[in-house]
Amino acid sequence: MQESLAKIDTTGVQLLAISTDNLEGPAALAAGRGYKFPILYTSLDTSVPESYGVFNLFGDGLASASMFLIDENGEVAWQSIGKNYTHQVGAAEIIEQVNKLG
């Protein structure tokens, strides 16, 4: 994903990750993989994933692995809701969706 950020950055879209894990898991993952995009942590406050309708979908008390693109009006323009906790959207699909937004 990190390699594709340069392409995404040229579109003016910012990529964020939201995690319901404690700080140690996502921080170690981000550092180990060299991610340079912000990761928001909500381990003590589930209101963000709840507001997007992706919290506890599988009865596990976690946010589903999901992706949202928000347009310049602050509206959800595209979404991919995880089918399980390991679901991931590839960078190519994200870039394709960003390009469709114009």
PDB file of N, CA and C in Angstrom:
ATOM      1  N   MET A   1       0.826  -1.191   0.000  1.00  0.00           N
ATOM      2  CA  MET A   1       0.000   0.000   0.000  1.00  0.00           C
ATOM      3  C   MET A   1       0.868   1.251   0.000  1.00  0.00           C
ATOM      4  N   GLN A   2       1.949   1.226   0.785  1.00  0.00           N
ATOM      5  CA  GLN A   2       2.787   2.420   0.895  1.00  0.00           C
ATOM      6  C   GLN A   2       3.291   2.895  -0.467  1.00  0.00           C
ATOM      7  N   GLU A   3       3.640   1.927  -1.353  1.00  0.00           N
ATOM      8  CA  GLU A   3       4.140   2.318  -2.672  1.00  0.00           C
ATOM      9  C   GLU A   3       3.079   3.062  -3.476  1.00  0.00           C
ATOM     10  N   SER A   4       1.828   2.731  -3.258  1.00  0.00           N
ATOM     11  CA  SER A   4       0.740   3.348  -4.010  1.00  0.00           C
ATOM     12  C   SER A   4       0.332   4.703  -3.456  1.00  0.00           C
ATOM     13  N   LEU A   5       0.834   5.064  -2.284  1.00  0.00           N
ATOM     14  CA  LEU A   5       0.443   6.343  -1.700  1.00  0.00           C
ATOM     15  C   LEU A   5       0.861   7.522  -2.564  1.00  0.00           C
ATOM     16  N   ALA A   6       1.982   7.412  -3.242  1.00  0.00           N
ATOM     17  CA  ALA A   6       2.416   8.505  -4.117  1.00  0.00           C
ATOM     18  C   ALA A   6       1.365   8.765  -5.189  1.00  0.00           C
ATOM     19  N   LYS A   7       0.792   7.700  -5.754  1.00  0.00           N
ATOM     20  CA  LYS A   7      -0.258   7.852  -6.763  1.00  0.00           C
ATOM     21  C   LYS A   7      -1.517   8.448  -6.142  1.00  0.00           C
ATOM     22  N   ILE A   8      -1.869   7.958  -4.958  1.00  0.00           N
ATOM     23  CA  ILE A   8      -3.069   8.458  -4.282  1.00  0.00           C
ATOM     24  C   ILE A   8      -2.875   9.923  -3.900  1.00  0.00           C
ATOM     25  N   ASP A   9      -1.674  10.277  -3.420  1.00  0.00           N
ATOM     26  CA  ASP A   9      -1.397  11.655  -3.013  1.00  0.00           C
ATOM     27  C   ASP A   9      -1.596  12.645  -4.150  1.00  0.00           C
ATOM     28  N   THR A  10      -1.324  12.237  -5.378  1.00  0.00           N
ATOM     29  CA  THR A  10      -1.473  13.161  -6.508  1.00  0.00           C
ATOM     30  C   THR A  10      -2.933  13.507  -6.779  1.00  0.00           C
ATOM     31  N   THR A  11      -3.859  12.734  -6.211  1.00  0.00           N
ATOM     32  CA  THR A  11      -5.282  12.979  -6.428  1.00  0.00           C
ATOM     33  C   THR A  11      -5.864  13.951  -5.407  1.00  0.00           C
ATOM     34  N   GLY A  12      -5.110  14.248  -4.347  1.00  0.00           N
ATOM     35  CA  GLY A  12      -5.624  15.116  -3.291  1.00  0.00           C
ATOM     36  C   GLY A  12      -6.406  14.373  -2.233  1.00  0.00           C
ATOM     37  N   VAL A  13      -6.515  13.055  -2.359  1.00  0.00           N
ATOM     38  CA  VAL A  13      -7.219  12.234  -1.378  1.00  0.00           C
ATOM     39  C   VAL A  13      -6.227  11.838  -0.289  1.00  0.00           C
ATOM     40  N   GLN A  14      -6.670  11.870   0.963  1.00  0.00           N
ATOM     41  CA  GLN A  14      -5.809  11.420   2.048  1.00  0.00           C
ATOM     42  C   GLN A  14      -6.306  10.085   2.550  1.00  0.00           C
ATOM     43  N   LEU A  15      -5.393   9.179   2.759  1.00  0.00           N
ATOM     44  CA  LEU A  15      -5.698   7.851   3.260  1.00  0.00           C
ATOM     45  C   LEU A  15      -5.510   7.830   4.763  1.00  0.00           C
ATOM     46  N   LEU A  16      -6.487   7.302   5.479  1.00  0.00           N
ATOM     47  CA  LEU A  16      -6.433   7.124   6.930  1.00  0.00           C
ATOM     48  C   LEU A  16      -6.821   5.697   7.248  1.00  0.00           C
ATOM     49  N   ALA A  17      -6.310   5.185   8.339  1.00  0.00           N
ATOM     50  CA  ALA A  17      -6.741   3.879   8.837  1.00  0.00           C
ATOM     51  C   ALA A  17      -7.358   4.091  10.209  1.00  0.00           C
ATOM     52  N   ILE A  18      -8.367   3.301  10.529  1.00  0.00           N
ATOM     53  CA  ILE A  18      -9.002   3.346  11.845  1.00  0.00           C
ATOM     54  C   ILE A  18      -8.884   1.964  12.448  1.00  0.00           C
ATOM     55  N   SER A  19      -8.433   1.904  13.689  1.00  0.00           N
ATOM     56  CA  SER A  19      -8.253   0.617  14.343  1.00  0.00           C
ATOM     57  C   SER A  19      -8.915   0.620  15.711  1.00  0.00           C
ATOM     58  N   THR A  20      -9.537  -0.508  16.070  1.00  0.00           N
ATOM     59  CA  THR A  20     -10.070  -0.662  17.420  1.00  0.00           C
ATOM     60  C   THR A  20      -9.114  -1.469  18.292  1.00  0.00           C
ATOM     61  N   ASP A  21      -7.934  -1.803  17.765  1.00  0.00           N
ATOM     62  CA  ASP A  21      -6.920  -2.484  18.559  1.00  0.00           C
ATOM     63  C   ASP A  21      -6.336  -1.513  19.572  1.00  0.00           C
ATOM     64  N   ASN A  22      -5.591  -2.075  20.521  1.00  0.00           N
ATOM     65  CA  ASN A  22      -4.858  -1.174  21.405  1.00  0.00           C
ATOM     66  C   ASN A  22      -3.714  -0.551  20.612  1.00  0.00           C
ATOM     67  N   LEU A  23      -3.024   0.398  21.169  1.00  0.00           N
ATOM     68  CA  LEU A  23      -1.999   1.136  20.438  1.00  0.00           C
ATOM     69  C   LEU A  23      -0.819   0.280  20.002  1.00  0.00           C
ATOM     70  N   GLU A  24      -0.526  -0.797  20.702  1.00  0.00           N
ATOM     71  CA  GLU A  24       0.672  -1.572  20.407  1.00  0.00           C
ATOM     72  C   GLU A  24       0.559  -2.341  19.091  1.00  0.00           C
ATOM     73  N   GLY A  25      -0.567  -2.950  18.799  1.00  0.00           N
ATOM     74  CA  GLY A  25      -0.716  -3.745  17.585  1.00  0.00           C
ATOM     75  C   GLY A  25      -0.580  -2.935  16.309  1.00  0.00           C
ATOM     76  N   PRO A  26      -1.447  -1.942  16.084  1.00  0.00           N
ATOM     77  CA  PRO A  26      -1.361  -1.159  14.852  1.00  0.00           C
ATOM     78  C   PRO A  26      -0.077  -0.352  14.745  1.00  0.00           C
ATOM     79  N   ALA A  27       0.426   0.174  15.859  1.00  0.00           N
ATOM     80  CA  ALA A  27       1.656   0.963  15.802  1.00  0.00           C
ATOM     81  C   ALA A  27       2.827   0.096  15.355  1.00  0.00           C
ATOM     82  N   ALA A  28       2.903  -1.121  15.875  1.00  0.00           N
ATOM     83  CA  ALA A  28       3.980  -2.034  15.477  1.00  0.00           C
ATOM     84  C   ALA A  28       3.836  -2.430  14.014  1.00  0.00           C
ATOM     85  N   LEU A  29       2.614  -2.693  13.574  1.00  0.00           N
ATOM     86  CA  LEU A  29       2.365  -3.036  12.174  1.00  0.00           C
ATOM     87  C   LEU A  29       2.786  -1.888  11.260  1.00  0.00           C
ATOM     88  N   ALA A  30       2.361  -0.684  11.603  1.00  0.00           N
ATOM     89  CA  ALA A  30       2.686   0.485  10.787  1.00  0.00           C
ATOM     90  C   ALA A  30       4.193   0.712  10.728  1.00  0.00           C
ATOM     91  N   ALA A  31       4.861   0.617  11.862  1.00  0.00           N
ATOM     92  CA  ALA A  31       6.312   0.822  11.894  1.00  0.00           C
ATOM     93  C   ALA A  31       7.039  -0.266  11.124  1.00  0.00           C
ATOM     94  N   GLY A  32       6.593  -1.507  11.295  1.00  0.00           N
ATOM     95  CA  GLY A  32       7.237  -2.637  10.627  1.00  0.00           C
ATOM     96  C   GLY A  32       7.100  -2.598   9.120  1.00  0.00           C
ATOM     97  N   ARG A  33       5.997  -2.084   8.641  1.00  0.00           N
ATOM     98  CA  ARG A  33       5.762  -2.021   7.189  1.00  0.00           C
ATOM     99  C   ARG A  33       6.103  -0.666   6.591  1.00  0.00           C
ATOM    100  N   GLY A  34       6.493   0.285   7.433  1.00  0.00           N
ATOM    101  CA  GLY A  34       6.890   1.591   6.933  1.00  0.00           C
ATOM    102  C   GLY A  34       5.743   2.463   6.472  1.00  0.00           C
ATOM    103  N   TYR A  35       4.536   2.232   6.996  1.00  0.00           N
ATOM    104  CA  TYR A  35       3.390   3.045   6.586  1.00  0.00           C
ATOM    105  C   TYR A  35       3.606   4.489   7.009  1.00  0.00           C
ATOM    106  N   LYS A  36       3.236   5.394   6.137  1.00  0.00           N
ATOM    107  CA  LYS A  36       3.403   6.815   6.423  1.00  0.00           C
ATOM    108  C   LYS A  36       2.062   7.551   6.476  1.00  0.00           C
ATOM    109  N   PHE A  37       0.956   6.820   6.405  1.00  0.00           N
ATOM    110  CA  PHE A  37      -0.338   7.474   6.511  1.00  0.00           C
ATOM    111  C   PHE A  37      -0.833   7.371   7.955  1.00  0.00           C
ATOM    112  N   PRO A  38      -1.698   8.296   8.367  1.00  0.00           N
ATOM    113  CA  PRO A  38      -2.179   8.296   9.747  1.00  0.00           C
ATOM    114  C   PRO A  38      -3.031   7.075  10.061  1.00  0.00           C
ATOM    115  N   ILE A  39      -2.846   6.545  11.255  1.00  0.00           N
ATOM    116  CA  ILE A  39      -3.694   5.474  11.772  1.00  0.00           C
ATOM    117  C   ILE A  39      -4.370   6.011  13.020  1.00  0.00           C
ATOM    118  N   LEU A  40      -5.689   6.053  12.999  1.00  0.00           N
ATOM    119  CA  LEU A  40      -6.467   6.552  14.123  1.00  0.00           C
ATOM    120  C   LEU A  40      -6.827   5.382  15.024  1.00  0.00           C
ATOM    121  N   TYR A  41      -6.643   5.554  16.311  1.00  0.00           N
ATOM    122  CA  TYR A  41      -6.913   4.476  17.258  1.00  0.00           C
ATOM    123  C   TYR A  41      -8.165   4.784  18.060  1.00  0.00           C
ATOM    124  N   THR A  42      -9.032   3.805  18.177  1.00  0.00           N
ATOM    125  CA  THR A  42     -10.291   4.012  18.885  1.00  0.00           C
ATOM    126  C   THR A  42     -10.547   2.897  19.891  1.00  0.00           C
ATOM    127  N   SER A  43      -9.498   2.362  20.500  1.00  0.00           N
ATOM    128  CA  SER A  43      -9.675   1.209  21.381  1.00  0.00           C
ATOM    129  C   SER A  43     -10.556   1.525  22.591  1.00  0.00           C
ATOM    130  N   LEU A  44     -10.573   2.764  23.031  1.00  0.00           N
ATOM    131  CA  LEU A  44     -11.392   3.118  24.187  1.00  0.00           C
ATOM    132  C   LEU A  44     -12.686   3.831  23.803  1.00  0.00           C
ATOM    133  N   ASP A  45     -12.839   4.154  22.530  1.00  0.00           N
ATOM    134  CA  ASP A  45     -14.014   4.869  22.056  1.00  0.00           C
ATOM    135  C   ASP A  45     -14.425   4.296  20.699  1.00  0.00           C
ATOM    136  N   THR A  46     -15.496   3.561  20.676  1.00  0.00           N
ATOM    137  CA  THR A  46     -15.929   2.889  19.440  1.00  0.00           C
ATOM    138  C   THR A  46     -16.873   3.750  18.598  1.00  0.00           C
ATOM    139  N   SER A  47     -17.035   5.020  18.943  1.00  0.00           N
ATOM    140  CA  SER A  47     -18.021   5.847  18.251  1.00  0.00           C
ATOM    141  C   SER A  47     -17.698   6.053  16.767  1.00  0.00           C
ATOM    142  N   VAL A  48     -16.426   6.129  16.393  1.00  0.00           N
ATOM    143  CA  VAL A  48     -16.096   6.335  14.985  1.00  0.00           C
ATOM    144  C   VAL A  48     -16.503   5.129  14.140  1.00  0.00           C
ATOM    145  N   PRO A  49     -16.035   3.905  14.458  1.00  0.00           N
ATOM    146  CA  PRO A  49     -16.488   2.776  13.639  1.00  0.00           C
ATOM    147  C   PRO A  49     -17.998   2.537  13.746  1.00  0.00           C
ATOM    148  N   GLU A  50     -18.595   2.851  14.883  1.00  0.00           N
ATOM    149  CA  GLU A  50     -20.050   2.719  15.004  1.00  0.00           C
ATOM    150  C   GLU A  50     -20.751   3.686  14.060  1.00  0.00           C
ATOM    151  N   SER A  51     -20.240   4.918  13.949  1.00  0.00           N
ATOM    152  CA  SER A  51     -20.898   5.906  13.088  1.00  0.00           C
ATOM    153  C   SER A  51     -20.828   5.514  11.613  1.00  0.00           C
ATOM    154  N   TYR A  52     -19.817   4.719  11.243  1.00  0.00           N
ATOM    155  CA  TYR A  52     -19.715   4.227   9.869  1.00  0.00           C
ATOM    156  C   TYR A  52     -20.386   2.863   9.694  1.00  0.00           C
ATOM    157  N   GLY A  53     -20.971   2.338  10.762  1.00  0.00           N
ATOM    158  CA  GLY A  53     -21.692   1.071  10.687  1.00  0.00           C
ATOM    159  C   GLY A  53     -20.806  -0.141  10.518  1.00  0.00           C
ATOM    160  N   VAL A  54     -19.568  -0.072  11.013  1.00  0.00           N
ATOM    161  CA  VAL A  54     -18.640  -1.185  10.814  1.00  0.00           C
ATOM    162  C   VAL A  54     -18.125  -1.772  12.128  1.00  0.00           C
ATOM    163  N   PHE A  55     -18.731  -1.404  13.250  1.00  0.00           N
ATOM    164  CA  PHE A  55     -18.272  -1.937  14.535  1.00  0.00           C
ATOM    165  C   PHE A  55     -19.047  -3.191  14.909  1.00  0.00           C
ATOM    166  N   ASN A  56     -18.328  -4.218  15.297  1.00  0.00           N
ATOM    167  CA  ASN A  56     -18.888  -5.455  15.849  1.00  0.00           C
ATOM    168  C   ASN A  56     -19.800  -6.193  14.870  1.00  0.00           C
ATOM    169  N   LEU A  57     -19.511  -6.099  13.578  1.00  0.00           N
ATOM    170  CA  LEU A  57     -20.340  -6.789  12.584  1.00  0.00           C
ATOM    171  C   LEU A  57     -20.298  -8.298  12.730  1.00  0.00           C
ATOM    172  N   PHE A  58     -19.206  -8.807  13.286  1.00  0.00           N
ATOM    173  CA  PHE A  58     -19.042 -10.255  13.410  1.00  0.00           C
ATOM    174  C   PHE A  58     -19.080 -10.706  14.863  1.00  0.00           C
ATOM    175  N   GLY A  59     -19.595  -9.832  15.755  1.00  0.00           N
ATOM    176  CA  GLY A  59     -19.710 -10.172  17.165  1.00  0.00           C
ATOM    177  C   GLY A  59     -18.374 -10.293  17.875  1.00  0.00           C
ATOM    178  N   ASP A  60     -17.345  -9.628  17.331  1.00  0.00           N
ATOM    179  CA  ASP A  60     -16.010  -9.744  17.898  1.00  0.00           C
ATOM    180  C   ASP A  60     -15.542  -8.498  18.645  1.00  0.00           C
ATOM    181  N   GLY A  61     -16.408  -7.473  18.695  1.00  0.00           N
ATOM    182  CA  GLY A  61     -16.036  -6.244  19.382  1.00  0.00           C
ATOM    183  C   GLY A  61     -14.975  -5.435  18.667  1.00  0.00           C
ATOM    184  N   LEU A  62     -14.813  -5.652  17.359  1.00  0.00           N
ATOM    185  CA  LEU A  62     -13.802  -4.948  16.569  1.00  0.00           C
ATOM    186  C   LEU A  62     -14.457  -4.212  15.408  1.00  0.00           C
ATOM    187  N   ALA A  63     -13.721  -3.281  14.838  1.00  0.00           N
ATOM    188  CA  ALA A  63     -14.175  -2.632  13.616  1.00  0.00           C
ATOM    189  C   ALA A  63     -13.864  -3.553  12.451  1.00  0.00           C
ATOM    190  N   SER A  64     -14.812  -3.708  11.561  1.00  0.00           N
ATOM    191  CA  SER A  64     -14.591  -4.501  10.359  1.00  0.00           C
ATOM    192  C   SER A  64     -13.562  -3.806   9.489  1.00  0.00           C
ATOM    193  N   ALA A  65     -12.717  -4.577   8.817  1.00  0.00           N
ATOM    194  CA  ALA A  65     -11.735  -4.012   7.889  1.00  0.00           C
ATOM    195  C   ALA A  65     -12.495  -3.421   6.714  1.00  0.00           C
ATOM    196  N   SER A  66     -12.584  -2.107   6.676  1.00  0.00           N
ATOM    197  CA  SER A  66     -13.403  -1.429   5.675  1.00  0.00           C
ATOM    198  C   SER A  66     -12.664  -0.225   5.128  1.00  0.00           C
ATOM    199  N   MET A  67     -13.084   0.213   3.962  1.00  0.00           N
ATOM    200  CA  MET A  67     -12.465   1.364   3.307  1.00  0.00           C
ATOM    201  C   MET A  67     -13.564   2.316   2.873  1.00  0.00           C
ATOM    202  N   PHE A  68     -13.353   3.597   3.108  1.00  0.00           N
ATOM    203  CA  PHE A  68     -14.298   4.637   2.697  1.00  0.00           C
ATOM    204  C   PHE A  68     -13.545   5.724   1.951  1.00  0.00           C
ATOM    205  N   LEU A  69     -14.132   6.224   0.900  1.00  0.00           N
ATOM    206  CA  LEU A  69     -13.633   7.419   0.233  1.00  0.00           C
ATOM    207  C   LEU A  69     -14.669   8.514   0.457  1.00  0.00           C
ATOM    208  N   ILE A  70     -14.200   9.626   0.966  1.00  0.00           N
ATOM    209  CA  ILE A  70     -15.071  10.748   1.288  1.00  0.00           C
ATOM    210  C   ILE A  70     -14.838  11.837   0.252  1.00  0.00           C
ATOM    211  N   ASP A  71     -15.916  12.343  -0.328  1.00  0.00           N
ATOM    212  CA  ASP A  71     -15.759  13.378  -1.360  1.00  0.00           C
ATOM    213  C   ASP A  71     -15.510  14.739  -0.722  1.00  0.00           C
ATOM    214  N   GLU A  72     -15.316  15.745  -1.557  1.00  0.00           N
ATOM    215  CA  GLU A  72     -14.975  17.071  -1.054  1.00  0.00           C
ATOM    216  C   GLU A  72     -16.116  17.734  -0.295  1.00  0.00           C
ATOM    217  N   ASN A  73     -17.313  17.173  -0.375  1.00  0.00           N
ATOM    218  CA  ASN A  73     -18.451  17.670   0.399  1.00  0.00           C
ATOM    219  C   ASN A  73     -18.603  16.956   1.735  1.00  0.00           C
ATOM    220  N   GLY A  74     -17.675  16.031   2.014  1.00  0.00           N
ATOM    221  CA  GLY A  74     -17.727  15.289   3.271  1.00  0.00           C
ATOM    222  C   GLY A  74     -18.668  14.099   3.240  1.00  0.00           C
ATOM    223  N   GLU A  75     -19.112  13.711   2.065  1.00  0.00           N
ATOM    224  CA  GLU A  75     -20.032  12.585   1.913  1.00  0.00           C
ATOM    225  C   GLU A  75     -19.270  11.315   1.527  1.00  0.00           C
ATOM    226  N   VAL A  76     -19.771  10.160   1.957  1.00  0.00           N
ATOM    227  CA  VAL A  76     -19.174   8.892   1.550  1.00  0.00           C
ATOM    228  C   VAL A  76     -19.465   8.694   0.070  1.00  0.00           C
ATOM    229  N   ALA A  77     -18.401   8.658  -0.733  1.00  0.00           N
ATOM    230  CA  ALA A  77     -18.540   8.504  -2.176  1.00  0.00           C
ATOM    231  C   ALA A  77     -18.362   7.062  -2.615  1.00  0.00           C
ATOM    232  N   TRP A  78     -17.667   6.283  -1.811  1.00  0.00           N
ATOM    233  CA  TRP A  78     -17.418   4.865  -2.118  1.00  0.00           C
ATOM    234  C   TRP A  78     -17.063   4.174  -0.815  1.00  0.00           C
ATOM    235  N   GLN A  79     -17.454   2.903  -0.719  1.00  0.00           N
ATOM    236  CA  GLN A  79     -17.113   2.137   0.472  1.00  0.00           C
ATOM    237  C   GLN A  79     -16.929   0.675   0.144  1.00  0.00           C
ATOM    238  N   SER A  80     -16.112   0.035   0.932  1.00  0.00           N
ATOM    239  CA  SER A  80     -15.943  -1.415   0.887  1.00  0.00           C
ATOM    240  C   SER A  80     -16.001  -1.892   2.328  1.00  0.00           C
ATOM    241  N   ILE A  81     -17.077  -2.575   2.687  1.00  0.00           N
ATOM    242  CA  ILE A  81     -17.254  -3.071   4.046  1.00  0.00           C
ATOM    243  C   ILE A  81     -16.688  -4.477   4.111  1.00  0.00           C
ATOM    244  N   GLY A  82     -15.793  -4.711   5.050  1.00  0.00           N
ATOM    245  CA  GLY A  82     -15.121  -6.004   5.170  1.00  0.00           C
ATOM    246  C   GLY A  82     -16.081  -7.165   5.359  1.00  0.00           C
ATOM    247  N   LYS A  83     -15.793  -8.250   4.665  1.00  0.00           N
ATOM    248  CA  LYS A  83     -16.602  -9.462   4.775  1.00  0.00           C
ATOM    249  C   LYS A  83     -16.144 -10.317   5.949  1.00  0.00           C
ATOM    250  N   ASN A  84     -14.951 -10.042   6.459  1.00  0.00           N
ATOM    251  CA  ASN A  84     -14.426 -10.662   7.674  1.00  0.00           C
ATOM    252  C   ASN A  84     -13.316  -9.759   8.193  1.00  0.00           C
ATOM    253  N   TYR A  85     -12.704 -10.133   9.308  1.00  0.00           N
ATOM    254  CA  TYR A  85     -11.739  -9.228   9.927  1.00  0.00           C
ATOM    255  C   TYR A  85     -10.430  -9.101   9.154  1.00  0.00           C
ATOM    256  N   THR A  86     -10.183  -9.968   8.193  1.00  0.00           N
ATOM    257  CA  THR A  86      -8.943  -9.890   7.422  1.00  0.00           C
ATOM    258  C   THR A  86      -9.133  -9.264   6.044  1.00  0.00           C
ATOM    259  N   HIS A  87     -10.348  -8.894   5.708  1.00  0.00           N
ATOM    260  CA  HIS A  87     -10.666  -8.332   4.399  1.00  0.00           C
ATOM    261  C   HIS A  87      -9.824  -7.090   4.128  1.00  0.00           C
ATOM    262  N   GLN A  88      -9.238  -7.026   2.953  1.00  0.00           N
ATOM    263  CA  GLN A  88      -8.475  -5.844   2.559  1.00  0.00           C
ATOM    264  C   GLN A  88      -8.780  -5.502   1.108  1.00  0.00           C
ATOM    265  N   VAL A  89      -8.745  -4.221   0.821  1.00  0.00           N
ATOM    266  CA  VAL A  89      -8.935  -3.734  -0.538  1.00  0.00           C
ATOM    267  C   VAL A  89      -7.555  -3.406  -1.090  1.00  0.00           C
ATOM    268  N   GLY A  90      -7.280  -3.866  -2.294  1.00  0.00           N
ATOM    269  CA  GLY A  90      -5.986  -3.608  -2.901  1.00  0.00           C
ATOM    270  C   GLY A  90      -5.816  -2.157  -3.318  1.00  0.00           C
ATOM    271  N   ALA A  91      -4.571  -1.716  -3.355  1.00  0.00           N
ATOM    272  CA  ALA A  91      -4.258  -0.336  -3.727  1.00  0.00           C
ATOM    273  C   ALA A  91      -4.780   0.003  -5.119  1.00  0.00           C
ATOM    274  N   ALA A  92      -4.702  -0.939  -6.051  1.00  0.00           N
ATOM    275  CA  ALA A  92      -5.165  -0.676  -7.418  1.00  0.00           C
ATOM    276  C   ALA A  92      -6.657  -0.337  -7.434  1.00  0.00           C
ATOM    277  N   GLU A  93      -7.442  -1.044  -6.629  1.00  0.00           N
ATOM    278  CA  GLU A  93      -8.880  -0.759  -6.584  1.00  0.00           C
ATOM    279  C   GLU A  93      -9.143   0.606  -5.960  1.00  0.00           C
ATOM    280  N   ILE A  94      -8.386   0.951  -4.934  1.00  0.00           N
ATOM    281  CA  ILE A  94      -8.557   2.257  -4.294  1.00  0.00           C
ATOM    282  C   ILE A  94      -8.250   3.364  -5.301  1.00  0.00           C
ATOM    283  N   ILE A  95      -7.136   3.220  -6.006  1.00  0.00           N
ATOM    284  CA  ILE A  95      -6.759   4.229  -7.000  1.00  0.00           C
ATOM    285  C   ILE A  95      -7.812   4.329  -8.091  1.00  0.00           C
ATOM    286  N   GLU A  96      -8.337   3.200  -8.522  1.00  0.00           N
ATOM    287  CA  GLU A  96      -9.388   3.208  -9.540  1.00  0.00           C
ATOM    288  C   GLU A  96     -10.608   3.982  -9.062  1.00  0.00           C
ATOM    289  N   GLN A  97     -11.011   3.737  -7.810  1.00  0.00           N
ATOM    290  CA  GLN A  97     -12.178   4.432  -7.260  1.00  0.00           C
ATOM    291  C   GLN A  97     -11.918   5.917  -7.085  1.00  0.00           C
ATOM    292  N   VAL A  98     -10.693   6.269  -6.657  1.00  0.00           N
ATOM    293  CA  VAL A  98     -10.325   7.683  -6.520  1.00  0.00           C
ATOM    294  C   VAL A  98     -10.409   8.370  -7.880  1.00  0.00           C
ATOM    295  N   ASN A  99      -9.893   7.722  -8.899  1.00  0.00           N
ATOM    296  CA  ASN A  99      -9.916   8.291 -10.253  1.00  0.00           C
ATOM    297  C   ASN A  99     -11.348   8.486 -10.741  1.00  0.00           C
ATOM    298  N   LYS A 100     -12.245   7.590 -10.372  1.00  0.00           N
ATOM    299  CA  LYS A 100     -13.651   7.720 -10.778  1.00  0.00           C
ATOM    300  C   LYS A 100     -14.298   8.948 -10.147  1.00  0.00           C
ATOM    301  N   LEU A 101     -13.790   9.331  -8.975  1.00  0.00           N
ATOM    302  CA  LEU A 101     -14.344  10.508  -8.309  1.00  0.00           C
ATOM    303  C   LEU A 101     -13.940  11.794  -9.012  1.00  0.00           C
ATOM    304  N   GLY A 102     -12.913  11.691  -9.847  1.00  0.00           N
ATOM    305  CA  GLY A 102     -12.519  12.821 -10.675  1.00  0.00           C
ATOM    306  C   GLY A 102     -11.627  13.762  -9.992  1.00  0.00           C
TER     307      GLY A 102
END
